[in-house]
């Protein structure tokens, strides 16, 4: 029993459609996974920068305190002379 050529063409088209669809789904899944990795890297960088800025503010405050203490010591020393 031979199939008409239209049926064969339709079956081949169906197979091609399935292959194309599943390939597209795999590609989209891969690209979404890559984007999620980049977003996670960005969020980690953002968090590290926040921590660095917080530490920098603390260090700047400590430096200002040290400078005030040094100025006070120098001023007291000048007053003694």
PDB file of N, CA and C in Angstrom:
ATOM      1  N   UNK A   1       0.839  -1.169   0.000  1.00  0.00           N
ATOM      2  CA  UNK A   1       0.000   0.000   0.000  1.00  0.00           C
ATOM      3  C   UNK A   1       0.886   1.235   0.000  1.00  0.00           C
ATOM      4  N   UNK A   2       0.816   2.043  -0.998  1.00  0.00           N
ATOM      5  CA  UNK A   2       1.592   3.269  -1.141  1.00  0.00           C
ATOM      6  C   UNK A   2       0.778   4.464  -0.657  1.00  0.00           C
ATOM      7  N   UNK A   3       1.498   5.399  -0.018  1.00  0.00           N
ATOM      8  CA  UNK A   3       0.829   6.606   0.436  1.00  0.00           C
ATOM      9  C   UNK A   3       0.896   7.644  -0.670  1.00  0.00           C
ATOM     10  N   UNK A   4      -0.112   8.457  -0.763  1.00  0.00           N
ATOM     11  CA  UNK A   4      -0.050   9.544  -1.740  1.00  0.00           C
ATOM     12  C   UNK A   4       1.061  10.527  -1.353  1.00  0.00           C
ATOM     13  N   UNK A   5       1.592  11.190  -2.323  1.00  0.00           N
ATOM     14  CA  UNK A   5       2.711  12.108  -2.081  1.00  0.00           C
ATOM     15  C   UNK A   5       2.317  13.244  -1.139  1.00  0.00           C
ATOM     16  N   UNK A   6       1.064  13.666  -1.162  1.00  0.00           N
ATOM     17  CA  UNK A   6       0.627  14.742  -0.264  1.00  0.00           C
ATOM     18  C   UNK A   6       0.740  14.323   1.205  1.00  0.00           C
ATOM     19  N   UNK A   7       0.429  13.075   1.500  1.00  0.00           N
ATOM     20  CA  UNK A   7       0.516  12.580   2.875  1.00  0.00           C
ATOM     21  C   UNK A   7       1.966  12.525   3.316  1.00  0.00           C
ATOM     22  N   UNK A   8       2.840  12.069   2.434  1.00  0.00           N
ATOM     23  CA  UNK A   8       4.272  11.998   2.761  1.00  0.00           C
ATOM     24  C   UNK A   8       4.818  13.402   3.023  1.00  0.00           C
ATOM     25  N   UNK A   9       4.443  14.346   2.162  1.00  0.00           N
ATOM     26  CA  UNK A   9       4.890  15.734   2.335  1.00  0.00           C
ATOM     27  C   UNK A   9       4.353  16.304   3.642  1.00  0.00           C
ATOM     28  N   UNK A  10       3.108  16.010   3.969  1.00  0.00           N
ATOM     29  CA  UNK A  10       2.523  16.504   5.213  1.00  0.00           C
ATOM     30  C   UNK A  10       3.246  15.919   6.423  1.00  0.00           C
ATOM     31  N   UNK A  11       3.568  14.625   6.379  1.00  0.00           N
ATOM     32  CA  UNK A  11       4.282  14.002   7.495  1.00  0.00           C
ATOM     33  C   UNK A  11       5.691  14.579   7.646  1.00  0.00           C
ATOM     34  N   UNK A  12       6.367  14.801   6.532  1.00  0.00           N
ATOM     35  CA  UNK A  12       7.703  15.415   6.585  1.00  0.00           C
ATOM     36  C   UNK A  12       7.618  16.837   7.129  1.00  0.00           C
ATOM     37  N   UNK A  13       6.599  17.557   6.719  1.00  0.00           N
ATOM     38  CA  UNK A  13       6.412  18.917   7.234  1.00  0.00           C
ATOM     39  C   UNK A  13       6.146  18.901   8.727  1.00  0.00           C
ATOM     40  N   UNK A  14       5.341  17.940   9.178  1.00  0.00           N
ATOM     41  CA  UNK A  14       5.052  17.811  10.597  1.00  0.00           C
ATOM     42  C   UNK A  14       6.328  17.520  11.388  1.00  0.00           C
ATOM     43  N   UNK A  15       7.143  16.606  10.881  1.00  0.00           N
ATOM     44  CA  UNK A  15       8.417  16.292  11.543  1.00  0.00           C
ATOM     45  C   UNK A  15       9.318  17.528  11.589  1.00  0.00           C
ATOM     46  N   UNK A  16       9.393  18.250  10.494  1.00  0.00           N
ATOM     47  CA  UNK A  16      10.211  19.469  10.452  1.00  0.00           C
ATOM     48  C   UNK A  16       9.709  20.514  11.434  1.00  0.00           C
ATOM     49  N   UNK A  17       8.396  20.632  11.539  1.00  0.00           N
ATOM     50  CA  UNK A  17       7.814  21.596  12.480  1.00  0.00           C
ATOM     51  C   UNK A  17       8.154  21.215  13.915  1.00  0.00           C
ATOM     52  N   UNK A  18       8.027  19.918  14.248  1.00  0.00           N
ATOM     53  CA  UNK A  18       8.372  19.478  15.594  1.00  0.00           C
ATOM     54  C   UNK A  18       9.845  19.723  15.896  1.00  0.00           C
ATOM     55  N   UNK A  19      10.717  19.380  14.953  1.00  0.00           N
ATOM     56  CA  UNK A  19      12.145  19.595  15.173  1.00  0.00           C
ATOM     57  C   UNK A  19      12.459  21.074  15.373  1.00  0.00           C
ATOM     58  N   UNK A  20      11.873  21.909  14.546  1.00  0.00           N
ATOM     59  CA  UNK A  20      12.106  23.350  14.666  1.00  0.00           C
ATOM     60  C   UNK A  20      11.594  23.903  15.980  1.00  0.00           C
ATOM     61  N   UNK A  21      10.421  23.450  16.382  1.00  0.00           N
ATOM     62  CA  UNK A  21       9.839  23.923  17.636  1.00  0.00           C
ATOM     63  C   UNK A  21      10.690  23.506  18.825  1.00  0.00           C
ATOM     64  N   UNK A  22      11.067  22.243  18.900  1.00  0.00           N
ATOM     65  CA  UNK A  22      11.860  21.773  20.030  1.00  0.00           C
ATOM     66  C   UNK A  22      13.259  22.379  20.033  1.00  0.00           C
ATOM     67  N   UNK A  23      13.830  22.608  18.860  1.00  0.00           N
ATOM     68  CA  UNK A  23      15.137  23.284  18.800  1.00  0.00           C
ATOM     69  C   UNK A  23      15.007  24.709  19.312  1.00  0.00           C
ATOM     70  N   UNK A  24      13.942  25.368  18.930  1.00  0.00           N
ATOM     71  CA  UNK A  24      13.713  26.733  19.403  1.00  0.00           C
ATOM     72  C   UNK A  24      13.515  26.789  20.899  1.00  0.00           C
ATOM     73  N   UNK A  25      12.796  25.825  21.448  1.00  0.00           N
ATOM     74  CA  UNK A  25      12.576  25.772  22.890  1.00  0.00           C
ATOM     75  C   UNK A  25      13.897  25.553  23.616  1.00  0.00           C
ATOM     76  N   UNK A  26      14.719  24.656  23.101  1.00  0.00           N
ATOM     77  CA  UNK A  26      16.029  24.406  23.728  1.00  0.00           C
ATOM     78  C   UNK A  26      16.906  25.647  23.671  1.00  0.00           C
ATOM     79  N   UNK A  27      16.898  26.326  22.527  1.00  0.00           N
ATOM     80  CA  UNK A  27      17.702  27.538  22.386  1.00  0.00           C
ATOM     81  C   UNK A  27      17.219  28.614  23.354  1.00  0.00           C
ATOM     82  N   UNK A  28      15.916  28.797  23.456  1.00  0.00           N
ATOM     83  CA  UNK A  28      15.378  29.798  24.370  1.00  0.00           C
ATOM     84  C   UNK A  28      15.711  29.445  25.818  1.00  0.00           C
ATOM     85  N   UNK A  29      15.626  28.175  26.174  1.00  0.00           N
ATOM     86  CA  UNK A  29      15.967  27.749  27.537  1.00  0.00           C
ATOM     87  C   UNK A  29      17.438  28.043  27.831  1.00  0.00           C
ATOM     88  N   UNK A  30      18.299  27.760  26.875  1.00  0.00           N
ATOM     89  CA  UNK A  30      19.728  28.024  27.046  1.00  0.00           C
ATOM     90  C   UNK A  30      19.980  29.522  27.229  1.00  0.00           C
ATOM     91  N   UNK A  31      19.341  30.332  26.395  1.00  0.00           N
ATOM     92  CA  UNK A  31      19.550  31.783  26.482  1.00  0.00           C
ATOM     93  C   UNK A  31      19.006  32.344  27.787  1.00  0.00           C
ATOM     94  N   UNK A  32      17.872  31.842  28.246  1.00  0.00           N
ATOM     95  CA  UNK A  32      17.319  32.293  29.530  1.00  0.00           C
ATOM     96  C   UNK A  32      18.264  31.913  30.664  1.00  0.00           C
ATOM     97  N   UNK A  33      18.820  30.718  30.598  1.00  0.00           N
ATOM     98  CA  UNK A  33      19.773  30.278  31.618  1.00  0.00           C
ATOM     99  C   UNK A  33      21.002  31.198  31.635  1.00  0.00           C
ATOM    100  N   UNK A  34      21.494  31.559  30.467  1.00  0.00           N
ATOM    101  CA  UNK A  34      22.649  32.460  30.393  1.00  0.00           C
ATOM    102  C   UNK A  34      22.306  33.831  30.958  1.00  0.00           C
ATOM    103  N   UNK A  35      21.116  34.323  30.655  1.00  0.00           N
ATOM    104  CA  UNK A  35      20.694  35.619  31.195  1.00  0.00           C
ATOM    105  C   UNK A  35      20.562  35.567  32.715  1.00  0.00           C
ATOM    106  N   UNK A  36      20.049  34.462  33.234  1.00  0.00           N
ATOM    107  CA  UNK A  36      19.935  34.318  34.686  1.00  0.00           C
ATOM    108  C   UNK A  36      21.316  34.340  35.336  1.00  0.00           C
ATOM    109  N   UNK A  37      22.300  33.715  34.711  1.00  0.00           N
ATOM    110  CA  UNK A  37      23.658  33.747  35.250  1.00  0.00           C
ATOM    111  C   UNK A  37      24.194  35.175  35.274  1.00  0.00           C
ATOM    112  N   UNK A  38      23.956  35.908  34.191  1.00  0.00           N
ATOM    113  CA  UNK A  38      24.438  37.292  34.145  1.00  0.00           C
ATOM    114  C   UNK A  38      23.744  38.156  35.187  1.00  0.00           C
ATOM    115  N   UNK A  39      22.458  37.948  35.382  1.00  0.00           N
ATOM    116  CA  UNK A  39      21.722  38.711  36.390  1.00  0.00           C
ATOM    117  C   UNK A  39      22.271  38.392  37.781  1.00  0.00           C
ATOM    118  N   UNK A  40      22.550  37.121  38.049  1.00  0.00           N
ATOM    119  CA  UNK A  40      23.121  36.744  39.342  1.00  0.00           C
ATOM    120  C   UNK A  40      24.492  37.373  39.546  1.00  0.00           C
ATOM    121  N   UNK A  41      25.314  37.392  38.503  1.00  0.00           N
ATOM    122  CA  UNK A  41      26.628  38.036  38.592  1.00  0.00           C
ATOM    123  C   UNK A  41      26.469  39.521  38.879  1.00  0.00           C
ATOM    124  N   UNK A  42      25.520  40.161  38.200  1.00  0.00           N
ATOM    125  CA  UNK A  42      25.266  41.587  38.415  1.00  0.00           C
ATOM    126  C   UNK A  42      24.813  41.829  39.856  1.00  0.00           C
ATOM    127  N   UNK A  43      23.901  40.995  40.336  1.00  0.00           N
ATOM    128  CA  UNK A  43      23.408  41.177  41.703  1.00  0.00           C
ATOM    129  C   UNK A  43      24.525  40.970  42.713  1.00  0.00           C
ATOM    130  N   UNK A  44      25.402  39.997  42.477  1.00  0.00           N
ATOM    131  CA  UNK A  44      26.536  39.786  43.380  1.00  0.00           C
ATOM    132  C   UNK A  44      27.470  40.988  43.365  1.00  0.00           C
ATOM    133  N   UNK A  45      27.716  41.538  42.183  1.00  0.00           N
ATOM    134  CA  UNK A  45      28.568  42.719  42.067  1.00  0.00           C
ATOM    135  C   UNK A  45      27.932  43.900  42.785  1.00  0.00           C
ATOM    136  N   UNK A  46      26.643  44.047  42.609  1.00  0.00           N
ATOM    137  CA  UNK A  46      25.918  45.136  43.261  1.00  0.00           C
ATOM    138  C   UNK A  46      26.005  44.995  44.779  1.00  0.00           C
ATOM    139  N   UNK A  47      25.846  43.786  45.285  1.00  0.00           N
ATOM    140  CA  UNK A  47      25.938  43.548  46.723  1.00  0.00           C
ATOM    141  C   UNK A  47      27.343  43.830  47.233  1.00  0.00           C
ATOM    142  N   UNK A  48      28.359  43.382  46.489  1.00  0.00           N
ATOM    143  CA  UNK A  48      29.745  43.649  46.900  1.00  0.00           C
ATOM    144  C   UNK A  48      30.037  45.139  46.910  1.00  0.00           C
ATOM    145  N   UNK A  49      29.515  45.863  45.919  1.00  0.00           N
ATOM    146  CA  UNK A  49      29.734  47.313  45.876  1.00  0.00           C
ATOM    147  C   UNK A  49      29.061  47.990  47.063  1.00  0.00           C
ATOM    148  N   UNK A  50      27.870  47.526  47.422  1.00  0.00           N
ATOM    149  CA  UNK A  50      27.178  48.087  48.584  1.00  0.00           C
ATOM    150  C   UNK A  50      28.024  47.889  49.836  1.00  0.00           C
ATOM    151  N   UNK A  51      28.558  46.678  50.015  1.00  0.00           N
ATOM    152  CA  UNK A  51      29.399  46.398  51.177  1.00  0.00           C
ATOM    153  C   UNK A  51      30.669  47.252  51.147  1.00  0.00           C
ATOM    154  N   UNK A  52      31.255  47.414  49.980  1.00  0.00           N
ATOM    155  CA  UNK A  52      32.472  48.224  49.850  1.00  0.00           C
ATOM    156  C   UNK A  52      32.187  49.682  50.183  1.00  0.00           C
ATOM    157  N   UNK A  53      31.067  50.192  49.694  1.00  0.00           N
ATOM    158  CA  UNK A  53      30.709  51.582  49.986  1.00  0.00           C
ATOM    159  C   UNK A  53      30.441  51.782  51.472  1.00  0.00           C
ATOM    160  N   UNK A  54      29.836  50.785  52.102  1.00  0.00           N
ATOM    161  CA  UNK A  54      29.579  50.881  53.540  1.00  0.00           C
ATOM    162  C   UNK A  54      30.896  50.903  54.303  1.00  0.00           C
ATOM    163  N   UNK A  55      31.831  50.019  53.922  1.00  0.00           N
ATOM    164  CA  UNK A  55      33.144  49.993  54.578  1.00  0.00           C
ATOM    165  C   UNK A  55      33.903  51.295  54.325  1.00  0.00           C
ATOM    166  N   UNK A  56      33.767  51.834  53.120  1.00  0.00           N
ATOM    167  CA  UNK A  56      34.448  53.086  52.798  1.00  0.00           C
ATOM    168  C   UNK A  56      33.920  54.221  53.668  1.00  0.00           C
ATOM    169  N   UNK A  57      32.619  54.267  53.891  1.00  0.00           N
ATOM    170  CA  UNK A  57      32.040  55.303  54.743  1.00  0.00           C
ATOM    171  C   UNK A  57      32.571  55.181  56.168  1.00  0.00           C
ATOM    172  N   UNK A  58      32.689  53.955  56.664  1.00  0.00           N
ATOM    173  CA  UNK A  58      33.230  53.737  58.010  1.00  0.00           C
ATOM    174  C   UNK A  58      34.680  54.189  58.068  1.00  0.00           C
ATOM    175  N   UNK A  59      35.465  53.826  57.040  1.00  0.00           N
ATOM    176  CA  UNK A  59      36.874  54.224  56.997  1.00  0.00           C
ATOM    177  C   UNK A  59      37.025  55.742  56.910  1.00  0.00           C
ATOM    178  N   UNK A  60      36.169  56.386  56.134  1.00  0.00           N
ATOM    179  CA  UNK A  60      36.229  57.847  56.028  1.00  0.00           C
ATOM    180  C   UNK A  60      35.901  58.494  57.371  1.00  0.00           C
ATOM    181  N   UNK A  61      34.954  57.923  58.090  1.00  0.00           N
ATOM    182  CA  UNK A  61      34.597  58.446  59.409  1.00  0.00           C
ATOM    183  C   UNK A  61      35.771  58.271  60.376  1.00  0.00           C
ATOM    184  N   UNK A  62      36.401  57.097  60.339  1.00  0.00           N
ATOM    185  CA  UNK A  62      37.564  56.860  61.203  1.00  0.00           C
ATOM    186  C   UNK A  62      38.696  57.832  60.876  1.00  0.00           C
ATOM    187  N   UNK A  63      38.918  58.067  59.604  1.00  0.00           N
ATOM    188  CA  UNK A  63      39.957  59.001  59.191  1.00  0.00           C
ATOM    189  C   UNK A  63      39.664  60.409  59.690  1.00  0.00           C
ATOM    190  N   UNK A  64      38.413  60.825  59.592  1.00  0.00           N
ATOM    191  CA  UNK A  64      38.037  62.155  60.076  1.00  0.00           C
ATOM    192  C   UNK A  64      38.268  62.263  61.579  1.00  0.00           C
ATOM    193  N   UNK A  65      37.943  61.211  62.330  1.00  0.00           N
ATOM    194  CA  UNK A  65      38.174  61.210  63.776  1.00  0.00           C
ATOM    195  C   UNK A  65      39.668  61.303  64.060  1.00  0.00           C
ATOM    196  N   UNK A  66      40.467  60.541  63.354  1.00  0.00           N
ATOM    197  CA  UNK A  66      41.928  60.575  63.542  1.00  0.00           C
ATOM    198  C   UNK A  66      42.490  61.958  63.223  1.00  0.00           C
ATOM    199  N   UNK A  67      42.006  62.568  62.160  1.00  0.00           N
ATOM    200  CA  UNK A  67      42.488  63.903  61.798  1.00  0.00           C
ATOM    201  C   UNK A  67      42.118  64.930  62.864  1.00  0.00           C
ATOM    202  N   UNK A  68      40.904  64.828  63.411  1.00  0.00           N
ATOM    203  CA  UNK A  68      40.506  65.755  64.478  1.00  0.00           C
ATOM    204  C   UNK A  68      41.376  65.556  65.720  1.00  0.00           C
ATOM    205  N   UNK A  69      41.642  64.303  66.066  1.00  0.00           N
ATOM    206  CA  UNK A  69      42.493  64.026  67.224  1.00  0.00           C
ATOM    207  C   UNK A  69      43.905  64.571  67.006  1.00  0.00           C
ATOM    208  N   UNK A  70      44.433  64.371  65.794  1.00  0.00           N
ATOM    209  CA  UNK A  70      45.761  64.876  65.473  1.00  0.00           C
ATOM    210  C   UNK A  70      45.795  66.397  65.541  1.00  0.00           C
ATOM    211  N   UNK A  71      44.772  67.036  65.002  1.00  0.00           N
ATOM    212  CA  UNK A  71      44.705  68.501  65.069  1.00  0.00           C
ATOM    213  C   UNK A  71      44.651  68.971  66.521  1.00  0.00           C
ATOM    214  N   UNK A  72      43.900  68.262  67.344  1.00  0.00           N
ATOM    215  CA  UNK A  72      43.796  68.619  68.760  1.00  0.00           C
ATOM    216  C   UNK A  72      45.149  68.462  69.445  1.00  0.00           C
ATOM    217  N   UNK A  73      45.831  67.363  69.163  1.00  0.00           N
ATOM    218  CA  UNK A  73      47.153  67.147  69.762  1.00  0.00           C
ATOM    219  C   UNK A  73      48.145  68.219  69.314  1.00  0.00           C
ATOM    220  N   UNK A  74      48.119  68.548  68.034  1.00  0.00           N
ATOM    221  CA  UNK A  74      49.036  69.577  67.526  1.00  0.00           C
ATOM    222  C   UNK A  74      48.701  70.937  68.132  1.00  0.00           C
ATOM    223  N   UNK A  75      47.438  71.221  68.273  1.00  0.00           N
ATOM    224  CA  UNK A  75      47.022  72.500  68.848  1.00  0.00           C
ATOM    225  C   UNK A  75      47.447  72.570  70.322  1.00  0.00           C
ATOM    226  N   UNK A  76      47.244  71.469  71.066  1.00  0.00           N
ATOM    227  CA  UNK A  76      47.651  71.426  72.473  1.00  0.00           C
ATOM    228  C   UNK A  76      49.162  71.581  72.614  1.00  0.00           C
ATOM    229  N   UNK A  77      49.897  70.994  71.700  1.00  0.00           N
ATOM    230  CA  UNK A  77      51.361  71.067  71.738  1.00  0.00           C
ATOM    231  C   UNK A  77      51.820  72.503  71.480  1.00  0.00           C
ATOM    232  N   UNK A  78      51.146  73.198  70.557  1.00  0.00           N
ATOM    233  CA  UNK A  78      51.499  74.584  70.247  1.00  0.00           C
ATOM    234  C   UNK A  78      51.179  75.487  71.437  1.00  0.00           C
ATOM    235  N   UNK A  79      50.116  75.177  72.140  1.00  0.00           N
ATOM    236  CA  UNK A  79      49.729  76.001  73.301  1.00  0.00           C
ATOM    237  C   UNK A  79      50.716  75.853  74.448  1.00  0.00           C
ATOM    238  N   UNK A  80      51.381  74.684  74.542  1.00  0.00           N
ATOM    239  CA  UNK A  80      52.360  74.451  75.598  1.00  0.00           C
ATOM    240  C   UNK A  80      53.599  75.293  75.403  1.00  0.00           C
ATOM    241  N   UNK A  81      53.926  75.623  74.183  1.00  0.00           N
ATOM    242  CA  UNK A  81      55.168  76.377  73.890  1.00  0.00           C
ATOM    243  C   UNK A  81      54.940  77.802  73.992  1.00  0.00           C
TER     244      UNK A  81
END
